[in-house]
């Protein structure tokens, strides 16, 4: 998935949590289950976001390309 798309997915999820927090705050006395589910969903999404942030496969590919280019220059010039 493209990085830009990931950013918008996370922003949309943040917006949804904020919007759902309003009724959660207003009616928490009447619906403890709603607040619990909202809290669990927010924690799950945070964990997903942290996993996305920890994914360094793209960075490793770029570093490998740089390493290969440097080795190629050494072998061509030396």
N, C-alpha and C. Protein backbone atom coordinates (compact mmCIF):
# COMPACT_ATOMS: atom_id res chain seq x y z
N UNK A 1 0.85 -1.17 0.00
CA UNK A 1 0.00 0.00 0.00
C UNK A 1 0.90 1.24 0.00
N UNK A 2 0.55 2.20 -0.77
CA UNK A 2 1.35 3.42 -0.88
C UNK A 2 1.35 4.18 0.44
N UNK A 3 2.47 4.84 0.69
CA UNK A 3 2.62 5.57 1.96
C UNK A 3 1.58 6.66 2.12
N UNK A 4 1.28 7.37 1.02
CA UNK A 4 0.27 8.45 1.11
C UNK A 4 -1.09 7.89 1.49
N UNK A 5 -1.42 6.74 0.95
CA UNK A 5 -2.72 6.13 1.26
C UNK A 5 -2.77 5.71 2.73
N UNK A 6 -1.65 5.19 3.22
CA UNK A 6 -1.59 4.80 4.63
C UNK A 6 -1.83 6.00 5.54
N UNK A 7 -1.24 7.12 5.19
CA UNK A 7 -1.41 8.33 5.99
C UNK A 7 -2.88 8.71 6.06
N UNK A 8 -3.57 8.68 4.93
CA UNK A 8 -4.99 9.07 4.92
C UNK A 8 -5.86 8.07 5.64
N UNK A 9 -5.50 6.80 5.59
CA UNK A 9 -6.26 5.79 6.35
C UNK A 9 -6.14 6.07 7.84
N UNK A 10 -4.94 6.39 8.30
CA UNK A 10 -4.74 6.69 9.72
C UNK A 10 -5.43 7.99 10.12
N UNK A 11 -5.41 8.97 9.24
CA UNK A 11 -6.10 10.23 9.55
C UNK A 11 -7.61 10.01 9.62
N UNK A 12 -8.14 9.20 8.73
CA UNK A 12 -9.58 8.91 8.75
C UNK A 12 -9.96 8.17 10.02
N UNK A 13 -9.13 7.21 10.43
CA UNK A 13 -9.41 6.47 11.66
C UNK A 13 -9.35 7.40 12.87
N UNK A 14 -8.41 8.34 12.86
CA UNK A 14 -8.33 9.31 13.95
C UNK A 14 -9.59 10.16 14.00
N UNK A 15 -10.05 10.61 12.84
CA UNK A 15 -11.28 11.40 12.77
C UNK A 15 -12.48 10.62 13.28
N UNK A 16 -12.55 9.35 12.91
CA UNK A 16 -13.67 8.51 13.37
C UNK A 16 -13.64 8.35 14.88
N UNK A 17 -12.45 8.17 15.45
CA UNK A 17 -12.34 8.04 16.91
C UNK A 17 -12.77 9.33 17.60
N UNK A 18 -12.37 10.45 17.04
CA UNK A 18 -12.75 11.73 17.63
C UNK A 18 -14.26 11.91 17.56
N UNK A 19 -14.84 11.60 16.40
CA UNK A 19 -16.30 11.74 16.25
C UNK A 19 -17.06 10.79 17.18
N UNK A 20 -16.56 9.59 17.34
CA UNK A 20 -17.23 8.63 18.23
C UNK A 20 -16.99 8.95 19.70
N UNK A 21 -15.93 9.70 19.98
CA UNK A 21 -15.67 10.06 21.38
C UNK A 21 -16.72 11.04 21.90
N UNK A 22 -17.28 11.86 21.02
CA UNK A 22 -18.29 12.84 21.45
C UNK A 22 -19.51 12.13 22.05
N UNK A 23 -20.15 11.19 21.33
CA UNK A 23 -21.27 10.50 21.99
C UNK A 23 -20.82 9.66 23.18
N UNK A 24 -19.57 9.17 23.11
CA UNK A 24 -19.06 8.40 24.25
C UNK A 24 -18.99 9.24 25.52
N UNK A 25 -18.57 10.48 25.38
CA UNK A 25 -18.49 11.37 26.54
C UNK A 25 -19.89 11.80 26.99
N UNK A 26 -20.75 12.10 26.02
CA UNK A 26 -22.09 12.58 26.36
C UNK A 26 -22.95 11.52 27.03
N UNK A 27 -22.85 10.29 26.56
CA UNK A 27 -23.76 9.24 27.04
C UNK A 27 -23.04 8.09 27.73
N UNK A 28 -21.88 8.34 28.31
CA UNK A 28 -21.14 7.25 28.91
C UNK A 28 -21.89 6.60 30.07
N UNK A 29 -22.70 7.35 30.77
CA UNK A 29 -23.46 6.77 31.89
C UNK A 29 -24.48 5.74 31.39
N UNK A 30 -25.05 6.02 30.22
CA UNK A 30 -26.08 5.14 29.68
C UNK A 30 -25.52 3.97 28.89
N UNK A 31 -24.26 4.06 28.49
CA UNK A 31 -23.73 3.01 27.63
C UNK A 31 -22.25 2.74 27.92
N UNK A 32 -22.02 2.07 29.01
CA UNK A 32 -20.65 1.70 29.36
C UNK A 32 -20.07 0.77 28.29
N UNK A 33 -20.90 -0.11 27.73
CA UNK A 33 -20.43 -1.03 26.69
C UNK A 33 -19.90 -0.26 25.48
N UNK A 34 -20.59 0.81 25.09
CA UNK A 34 -20.15 1.63 23.96
C UNK A 34 -18.76 2.21 24.23
N UNK A 35 -18.56 2.72 25.43
CA UNK A 35 -17.28 3.33 25.79
C UNK A 35 -16.18 2.26 25.82
N UNK A 36 -16.49 1.10 26.35
CA UNK A 36 -15.51 0.01 26.38
C UNK A 36 -15.13 -0.40 24.96
N UNK A 37 -16.12 -0.56 24.08
CA UNK A 37 -15.84 -0.95 22.70
C UNK A 37 -15.04 0.12 21.97
N UNK A 38 -15.38 1.38 22.20
CA UNK A 38 -14.64 2.47 21.59
C UNK A 38 -13.18 2.46 22.07
N UNK A 39 -12.99 2.23 23.34
CA UNK A 39 -11.64 2.18 23.90
C UNK A 39 -10.85 1.02 23.30
N UNK A 40 -11.46 -0.13 23.19
CA UNK A 40 -10.77 -1.29 22.62
C UNK A 40 -10.44 -1.07 21.14
N UNK A 41 -11.38 -0.47 20.41
CA UNK A 41 -11.13 -0.20 18.99
C UNK A 41 -9.97 0.79 18.83
N UNK A 42 -9.93 1.79 19.68
CA UNK A 42 -8.85 2.78 19.63
C UNK A 42 -7.51 2.13 19.96
N UNK A 43 -7.48 1.26 20.94
CA UNK A 43 -6.24 0.57 21.29
C UNK A 43 -5.79 -0.33 20.15
N UNK A 44 -6.73 -1.03 19.52
CA UNK A 44 -6.37 -1.90 18.39
C UNK A 44 -5.81 -1.08 17.24
N UNK A 45 -6.45 0.05 16.95
CA UNK A 45 -5.97 0.88 15.84
C UNK A 45 -4.60 1.47 16.15
N UNK A 46 -4.36 1.83 17.40
CA UNK A 46 -3.05 2.34 17.79
C UNK A 46 -1.98 1.28 17.60
N UNK A 47 -2.29 0.06 17.96
CA UNK A 47 -1.34 -1.03 17.76
C UNK A 47 -1.07 -1.26 16.28
N UNK A 48 -2.11 -1.17 15.46
CA UNK A 48 -1.93 -1.32 14.01
C UNK A 48 -1.04 -0.20 13.47
N UNK A 49 -1.28 1.02 13.93
CA UNK A 49 -0.47 2.15 13.49
C UNK A 49 0.99 2.00 13.89
N UNK A 50 1.22 1.49 15.10
CA UNK A 50 2.59 1.27 15.55
C UNK A 50 3.27 0.19 14.71
N UNK A 51 2.52 -0.83 14.35
CA UNK A 51 3.09 -1.89 13.49
C UNK A 51 3.44 -1.34 12.11
N UNK A 52 2.58 -0.48 11.58
CA UNK A 52 2.86 0.15 10.29
C UNK A 52 4.12 1.01 10.38
N UNK A 53 4.25 1.75 11.47
CA UNK A 53 5.41 2.63 11.64
C UNK A 53 6.69 1.82 11.80
N UNK A 54 6.59 0.65 12.40
CA UNK A 54 7.77 -0.18 12.62
C UNK A 54 8.21 -0.94 11.38
N UNK A 55 7.38 -0.97 10.36
CA UNK A 55 7.71 -1.68 9.12
C UNK A 55 8.78 -0.90 8.37
N UNK A 56 9.99 -1.41 8.38
CA UNK A 56 11.09 -0.70 7.75
C UNK A 56 11.57 -1.38 6.46
N UNK A 57 10.71 -2.19 5.85
CA UNK A 57 11.12 -2.92 4.65
C UNK A 57 11.48 -1.98 3.50
N UNK A 58 10.75 -0.89 3.34
CA UNK A 58 11.06 0.07 2.28
C UNK A 58 12.42 0.72 2.52
N UNK A 59 12.69 1.08 3.75
CA UNK A 59 13.97 1.69 4.09
C UNK A 59 15.11 0.70 3.87
N UNK A 60 14.90 -0.56 4.23
CA UNK A 60 15.94 -1.57 4.00
C UNK A 60 16.23 -1.75 2.52
N UNK A 61 15.18 -1.71 1.68
CA UNK A 61 15.39 -1.83 0.22
C UNK A 61 16.23 -0.66 -0.30
N UNK A 62 15.91 0.54 0.16
CA UNK A 62 16.67 1.71 -0.29
C UNK A 62 18.12 1.64 0.17
N UNK A 63 18.35 1.21 1.39
CA UNK A 63 19.71 1.08 1.88
C UNK A 63 20.48 0.01 1.11
N UNK A 64 19.82 -1.05 0.75
CA UNK A 64 20.46 -2.10 -0.05
C UNK A 64 20.84 -1.58 -1.43
N UNK A 65 19.97 -0.75 -2.02
CA UNK A 65 20.30 -0.15 -3.32
C UNK A 65 21.51 0.77 -3.21
N UNK A 66 21.55 1.56 -2.15
CA UNK A 66 22.71 2.44 -1.93
C UNK A 66 23.98 1.62 -1.75
N UNK A 67 23.89 0.58 -0.96
CA UNK A 67 25.04 -0.30 -0.73
C UNK A 67 25.53 -0.90 -2.04
N UNK A 68 24.60 -1.35 -2.87
CA UNK A 68 24.98 -1.94 -4.16
C UNK A 68 25.63 -0.91 -5.07
N UNK A 69 25.10 0.31 -5.09
CA UNK A 69 25.70 1.37 -5.91
C UNK A 69 27.11 1.70 -5.44
N UNK A 70 27.31 1.76 -4.13
CA UNK A 70 28.65 2.04 -3.60
C UNK A 70 29.62 0.92 -3.96
N UNK A 71 29.21 -0.31 -3.85
CA UNK A 71 30.08 -1.43 -4.22
C UNK A 71 30.40 -1.41 -5.70
N UNK A 72 29.41 -1.04 -6.51
CA UNK A 72 29.62 -0.96 -7.96
C UNK A 72 30.65 0.14 -8.28
N UNK A 73 30.55 1.28 -7.61
CA UNK A 73 31.50 2.37 -7.85
C UNK A 73 32.91 1.97 -7.43
N UNK A 74 33.01 1.26 -6.30
CA UNK A 74 34.32 0.80 -5.85
C UNK A 74 34.95 -0.14 -6.86
N UNK A 75 34.15 -1.06 -7.36
CA UNK A 75 34.70 -2.04 -8.31
C UNK A 75 35.02 -1.40 -9.66
N UNK A 76 34.25 -0.39 -10.07
CA UNK A 76 34.52 0.29 -11.34
C UNK A 76 35.72 1.23 -11.24
N UNK A 77 35.89 1.88 -10.11
CA UNK A 77 36.92 2.88 -9.97
C UNK A 77 38.22 2.37 -9.36
N UNK A 78 38.20 1.21 -8.82
CA UNK A 78 39.36 0.81 -8.06
C UNK A 78 40.08 -0.32 -8.63
